[in-house]
Amino acid sequence: MTPHEIAAKVGDHFATSEWVEMSQERINQFADATGDHQFIHINEEAAKMTPFGGTIAHGFLTLSMIPYLSANSDMPRVDGIKMAVNYGGNKTRFIAPVRSGKRIRGVWKLLEMAEKRPGQWQQTVEITIEIEGEDKPALICEWMTLYFV
């Protein structure tokens, strides 16, 4: 789709990803990559004694899944794209923990698609990361991406 065609969808549900499992192996790998080895993430026995009842994914792991979820979604792709870069977030709220073994998916709502300069578009989306079978989402964030066409 052209950036103008995408801009016409502001306010609409924009995309939904496939479900992906947040396995203990993924959680452990993230702990190793970031140095965040808090027991609630990696020690299954100790985590059983918490209100979570077991290990949970790092909030930042869940947030970092957005590119993967985006790539595995039905999101419209910008025609003629030369480059896309993360521009930042306006809001991020971690609502509910993602327990090890649960599946998550992303749901996008398009908030803005604005041409900032010729050939440079700023897209703002609201992303909700849902947890399969649960009422509350893992997180909700507002994220901006710059597209160069």
C-alpha atoms as a PDB file:
ATOM      1  CA  MET A   1       0.000   0.000   0.000  1.00  0.00           C
ATOM      2  CA  THR A   2       1.142   3.561  -0.573  1.00  0.00           C
ATOM      3  CA  PRO A   3       1.696   5.740   2.492  1.00  0.00           C
ATOM      4  CA  HIS A   4      -1.364   7.778   1.440  1.00  0.00           C
ATOM      5  CA  GLU A   5      -3.522   4.630   1.325  1.00  0.00           C
ATOM      6  CA  ILE A   6      -2.292   3.641   4.775  1.00  0.00           C
ATOM      7  CA  ALA A   7      -2.991   7.163   6.073  1.00  0.00           C
ATOM      8  CA  ALA A   8      -6.633   6.703   5.024  1.00  0.00           C
ATOM      9  CA  LYS A   9      -6.886   3.891   7.598  1.00  0.00           C
ATOM     10  CA  VAL A  10      -6.187   6.088  10.657  1.00  0.00           C
ATOM     11  CA  GLY A  11      -8.438   5.000  13.507  1.00  0.00           C
ATOM     12  CA  ASP A  12      -8.888   1.503  12.110  1.00  0.00           C
ATOM     13  CA  HIS A  13      -7.837  -1.892  13.395  1.00  0.00           C
ATOM     14  CA  PHE A  14      -4.648  -2.255  11.401  1.00  0.00           C
ATOM     15  CA  ALA A  15      -3.247  -5.744  11.902  1.00  0.00           C
ATOM     16  CA  THR A  16      -3.248  -8.926  13.968  1.00  0.00           C
ATOM     17  CA  SER A  17      -0.297 -11.272  14.332  1.00  0.00           C
ATOM     18  CA  GLU A  18      -0.079 -15.003  14.669  1.00  0.00           C
ATOM     19  CA  TRP A  19       0.100 -16.480  18.171  1.00  0.00           C
ATOM     20  CA  VAL A  20       3.600 -17.240  19.471  1.00  0.00           C
ATOM     21  CA  GLU A  21       4.602 -19.209  22.574  1.00  0.00           C
ATOM     22  CA  MET A  22       6.616 -17.540  25.309  1.00  0.00           C
ATOM     23  CA  SER A  23       8.569 -20.637  26.277  1.00  0.00           C
ATOM     24  CA  GLN A  24      10.824 -20.958  29.286  1.00  0.00           C
ATOM     25  CA  GLU A  25      13.728 -21.410  26.877  1.00  0.00           C
ATOM     26  CA  ARG A  26      12.956 -18.002  25.252  1.00  0.00           C
ATOM     27  CA  ILE A  27      12.668 -16.415  28.710  1.00  0.00           C
ATOM     28  CA  ASN A  28      16.015 -17.920  29.797  1.00  0.00           C
ATOM     29  CA  GLN A  29      17.706 -16.731  26.594  1.00  0.00           C
ATOM     30  CA  PHE A  30      16.408 -13.211  27.170  1.00  0.00           C
ATOM     31  CA  ALA A  31      17.661 -13.319  30.761  1.00  0.00           C
ATOM     32  CA  ASP A  32      21.111 -14.291  29.489  1.00  0.00           C
ATOM     33  CA  ALA A  33      21.084 -11.611  26.783  1.00  0.00           C
ATOM     34  CA  THR A  34      20.091  -8.826  29.180  1.00  0.00           C
ATOM     35  CA  GLY A  35      21.641  -9.975  32.461  1.00  0.00           C
ATOM     36  CA  ASP A  36      18.203  -9.873  34.117  1.00  0.00           C
ATOM     37  CA  HIS A  37      18.210 -13.150  36.043  1.00  0.00           C
ATOM     38  CA  GLN A  38      15.569 -12.248  38.620  1.00  0.00           C
ATOM     39  CA  PHE A  39      14.162 -15.481  40.035  1.00  0.00           C
ATOM     40  CA  ILE A  40      10.597 -14.759  38.882  1.00  0.00           C
ATOM     41  CA  HIS A  41      11.838 -15.278  35.330  1.00  0.00           C
ATOM     42  CA  ILE A  42      14.253 -18.218  35.578  1.00  0.00           C
ATOM     43  CA  ASN A  43      13.814 -20.144  38.837  1.00  0.00           C
ATOM     44  CA  GLU A  44      10.716 -22.275  38.343  1.00  0.00           C
ATOM     45  CA  GLU A  45      10.654 -23.643  41.910  1.00  0.00           C
ATOM     46  CA  ALA A  46      11.065 -20.265  43.641  1.00  0.00           C
ATOM     47  CA  ALA A  47       8.603 -18.595  41.241  1.00  0.00           C
ATOM     48  CA  LYS A  48       5.917 -21.118  42.237  1.00  0.00           C
ATOM     49  CA  MET A  49       5.847 -19.425  45.656  1.00  0.00           C
ATOM     50  CA  THR A  50       4.960 -16.017  44.189  1.00  0.00           C
ATOM     51  CA  PRO A  51       1.499 -14.706  43.319  1.00  0.00           C
ATOM     52  CA  PHE A  52       2.347 -15.584  39.692  1.00  0.00           C
ATOM     53  CA  GLY A  53       2.473 -19.305  40.524  1.00  0.00           C
ATOM     54  CA  GLY A  54       5.416 -19.866  38.207  1.00  0.00           C
ATOM     55  CA  THR A  55       7.920 -18.087  36.015  1.00  0.00           C
ATOM     56  CA  ILE A  56       6.892 -15.121  33.914  1.00  0.00           C
ATOM     57  CA  ALA A  57       8.372 -13.450  30.858  1.00  0.00           C
ATOM     58  CA  HIS A  58      10.244 -10.202  31.322  1.00  0.00           C
ATOM     59  CA  GLY A  59       8.116  -7.201  30.408  1.00  0.00           C
ATOM     60  CA  PHE A  60      10.888  -6.057  28.096  1.00  0.00           C
ATOM     61  CA  LEU A  61      10.927  -9.487  26.437  1.00  0.00           C
ATOM     62  CA  THR A  62       7.232  -9.115  25.680  1.00  0.00           C
ATOM     63  CA  LEU A  63       7.841  -5.605  24.352  1.00  0.00           C
ATOM     64  CA  SER A  64      10.787  -6.807  22.261  1.00  0.00           C
ATOM     65  CA  MET A  65       8.537  -9.340  20.530  1.00  0.00           C
ATOM     66  CA  ILE A  66       6.829  -6.548  18.578  1.00  0.00           C
ATOM     67  CA  PRO A  67       9.110  -6.788  15.499  1.00  0.00           C
ATOM     68  CA  TYR A  68       8.629 -10.567  15.340  1.00  0.00           C
ATOM     69  CA  LEU A  69       4.875 -10.272  15.809  1.00  0.00           C
ATOM     70  CA  SER A  70       4.740  -7.521  13.187  1.00  0.00           C
ATOM     71  CA  ALA A  71       6.634  -9.640  10.662  1.00  0.00           C
ATOM     72  CA  ASN A  72       4.162 -12.470  11.306  1.00  0.00           C
ATOM     73  CA  SER A  73       1.027 -10.403  10.940  1.00  0.00           C
ATOM     74  CA  ASP A  74      -1.355  -9.235   8.255  1.00  0.00           C
ATOM     75  CA  MET A  75      -0.069  -5.674   8.548  1.00  0.00           C
ATOM     76  CA  PRO A  76      -0.133  -3.768   5.261  1.00  0.00           C
ATOM     77  CA  ARG A  77       3.378  -3.123   3.965  1.00  0.00           C
ATOM     78  CA  VAL A  78       4.465   0.284   2.729  1.00  0.00           C
ATOM     79  CA  ASP A  79       5.148   0.294  -1.023  1.00  0.00           C
ATOM     80  CA  GLY A  80       8.602   1.381  -2.148  1.00  0.00           C
ATOM     81  CA  ILE A  81      10.113   1.342   1.310  1.00  0.00           C
ATOM     82  CA  LYS A  82      13.861   1.957   1.433  1.00  0.00           C
ATOM     83  CA  MET A  83      14.224   1.803   5.209  1.00  0.00           C
ATOM     84  CA  ALA A  84      12.176   1.734   8.405  1.00  0.00           C
ATOM     85  CA  VAL A  85      13.484   2.701  11.833  1.00  0.00           C
ATOM     86  CA  ASN A  86      12.011   2.703  15.311  1.00  0.00           C
ATOM     87  CA  TYR A  87      11.411   6.290  16.368  1.00  0.00           C
ATOM     88  CA  GLY A  88      10.223   5.684  19.911  1.00  0.00           C
ATOM     89  CA  GLY A  89       7.267   5.199  22.169  1.00  0.00           C
ATOM     90  CA  ASN A  90       4.844   7.632  23.730  1.00  0.00           C
ATOM     91  CA  LYS A  91       3.273   5.233  26.222  1.00  0.00           C
ATOM     92  CA  THR A  92       3.991   1.709  27.422  1.00  0.00           C
ATOM     93  CA  ARG A  93       2.054  -0.041  30.161  1.00  0.00           C
ATOM     94  CA  PHE A  94       2.671  -3.592  31.363  1.00  0.00           C
ATOM     95  CA  ILE A  95      -0.828  -4.756  32.315  1.00  0.00           C
ATOM     96  CA  ALA A  96      -0.567  -8.490  33.082  1.00  0.00           C
ATOM     97  CA  PRO A  97       2.303 -10.979  33.372  1.00  0.00           C
ATOM     98  CA  VAL A  98       2.918 -13.510  30.626  1.00  0.00           C
ATOM     99  CA  ARG A  99       3.377 -16.895  32.274  1.00  0.00           C
ATOM    100  CA  SER A 100       5.906 -19.277  30.790  1.00  0.00           C
ATOM    101  CA  GLY A 101       4.292 -21.439  28.124  1.00  0.00           C
ATOM    102  CA  LYS A 102       1.510 -18.969  27.312  1.00  0.00           C
ATOM    103  CA  ARG A 103       0.953 -17.681  23.790  1.00  0.00           C
ATOM    104  CA  ILE A 104       0.812 -14.013  22.845  1.00  0.00           C
ATOM    105  CA  ARG A 105      -0.180 -12.050  19.768  1.00  0.00           C
ATOM    106  CA  GLY A 106      -0.111  -8.428  18.708  1.00  0.00           C
ATOM    107  CA  VAL A 107      -3.080  -6.322  17.658  1.00  0.00           C
ATOM    108  CA  TRP A 108      -2.430  -2.950  16.002  1.00  0.00           C
ATOM    109  CA  LYS A 109      -4.587   0.149  15.658  1.00  0.00           C
ATOM    110  CA  LEU A 110      -3.346   2.920  13.360  1.00  0.00           C
ATOM    111  CA  LEU A 111      -3.298   6.275  15.163  1.00  0.00           C
ATOM    112  CA  GLU A 112      -1.381   8.410  12.669  1.00  0.00           C
ATOM    113  CA  MET A 113       0.447   8.259   9.340  1.00  0.00           C
ATOM    114  CA  ALA A 114       1.935  11.642   8.555  1.00  0.00           C
ATOM    115  CA  GLU A 115       4.444  12.799   5.972  1.00  0.00           C
ATOM    116  CA  LYS A 116       7.104  14.721   7.906  1.00  0.00           C
ATOM    117  CA  ARG A 117       9.306  15.485   4.887  1.00  0.00           C
ATOM    118  CA  PRO A 118       9.099  14.395   1.274  1.00  0.00           C
ATOM    119  CA  GLY A 119       9.560  10.620   1.325  1.00  0.00           C
ATOM    120  CA  GLN A 120       9.659  10.398   5.131  1.00  0.00           C
ATOM    121  CA  TRP A 121       6.545   9.165   6.922  1.00  0.00           C
ATOM    122  CA  GLN A 122       5.938   8.818  10.656  1.00  0.00           C
ATOM    123  CA  GLN A 123       3.515   6.099  11.658  1.00  0.00           C
ATOM    124  CA  THR A 124       2.054   5.931  15.170  1.00  0.00           C
ATOM    125  CA  VAL A 125       0.227   2.789  16.244  1.00  0.00           C
ATOM    126  CA  GLU A 126      -1.345   1.483  19.398  1.00  0.00           C
ATOM    127  CA  ILE A 127      -0.167  -2.075  19.981  1.00  0.00           C
ATOM    128  CA  THR A 128      -1.919  -4.429  22.346  1.00  0.00           C
ATOM    129  CA  ILE A 129      -0.134  -7.670  23.185  1.00  0.00           C
ATOM    130  CA  GLU A 130      -2.849 -10.169  24.074  1.00  0.00           C
ATOM    131  CA  ILE A 131      -2.362 -13.326  26.132  1.00  0.00           C
ATOM    132  CA  GLU A 132      -4.300 -16.299  24.810  1.00  0.00           C
ATOM    133  CA  GLY A 133      -7.188 -17.235  27.099  1.00  0.00           C
ATOM    134  CA  GLU A 134      -6.800 -14.243  29.419  1.00  0.00           C
ATOM    135  CA  ASP A 135      -8.984 -11.174  29.856  1.00  0.00           C
ATOM    136  CA  LYS A 136      -6.196  -8.651  30.375  1.00  0.00           C
ATOM    137  CA  PRO A 137      -3.481  -7.959  27.816  1.00  0.00           C
ATOM    138  CA  ALA A 138       0.205  -8.247  28.631  1.00  0.00           C
ATOM    139  CA  LEU A 139       0.871  -4.713  27.506  1.00  0.00           C
ATOM    140  CA  ILE A 140      -0.416  -1.741  25.598  1.00  0.00           C
ATOM    141  CA  CYS A 141       1.937   0.711  23.973  1.00  0.00           C
ATOM    142  CA  GLU A 142       1.923   3.567  21.522  1.00  0.00           C
ATOM    143  CA  TRP A 143       4.818   3.174  19.097  1.00  0.00           C
ATOM    144  CA  MET A 144       6.254   5.308  16.310  1.00  0.00           C
ATOM    145  CA  THR A 145       8.126   4.159  13.220  1.00  0.00           C
ATOM    146  CA  LEU A 146       9.743   6.261  10.499  1.00  0.00           C
ATOM    147  CA  TYR A 147       9.405   5.030   6.922  1.00  0.00           C
ATOM    148  CA  PHE A 148      11.662   6.254   4.141  1.00  0.00           C
ATOM    149  CA  VAL A 149      10.228   5.784   0.644  1.00  0.00           C
END
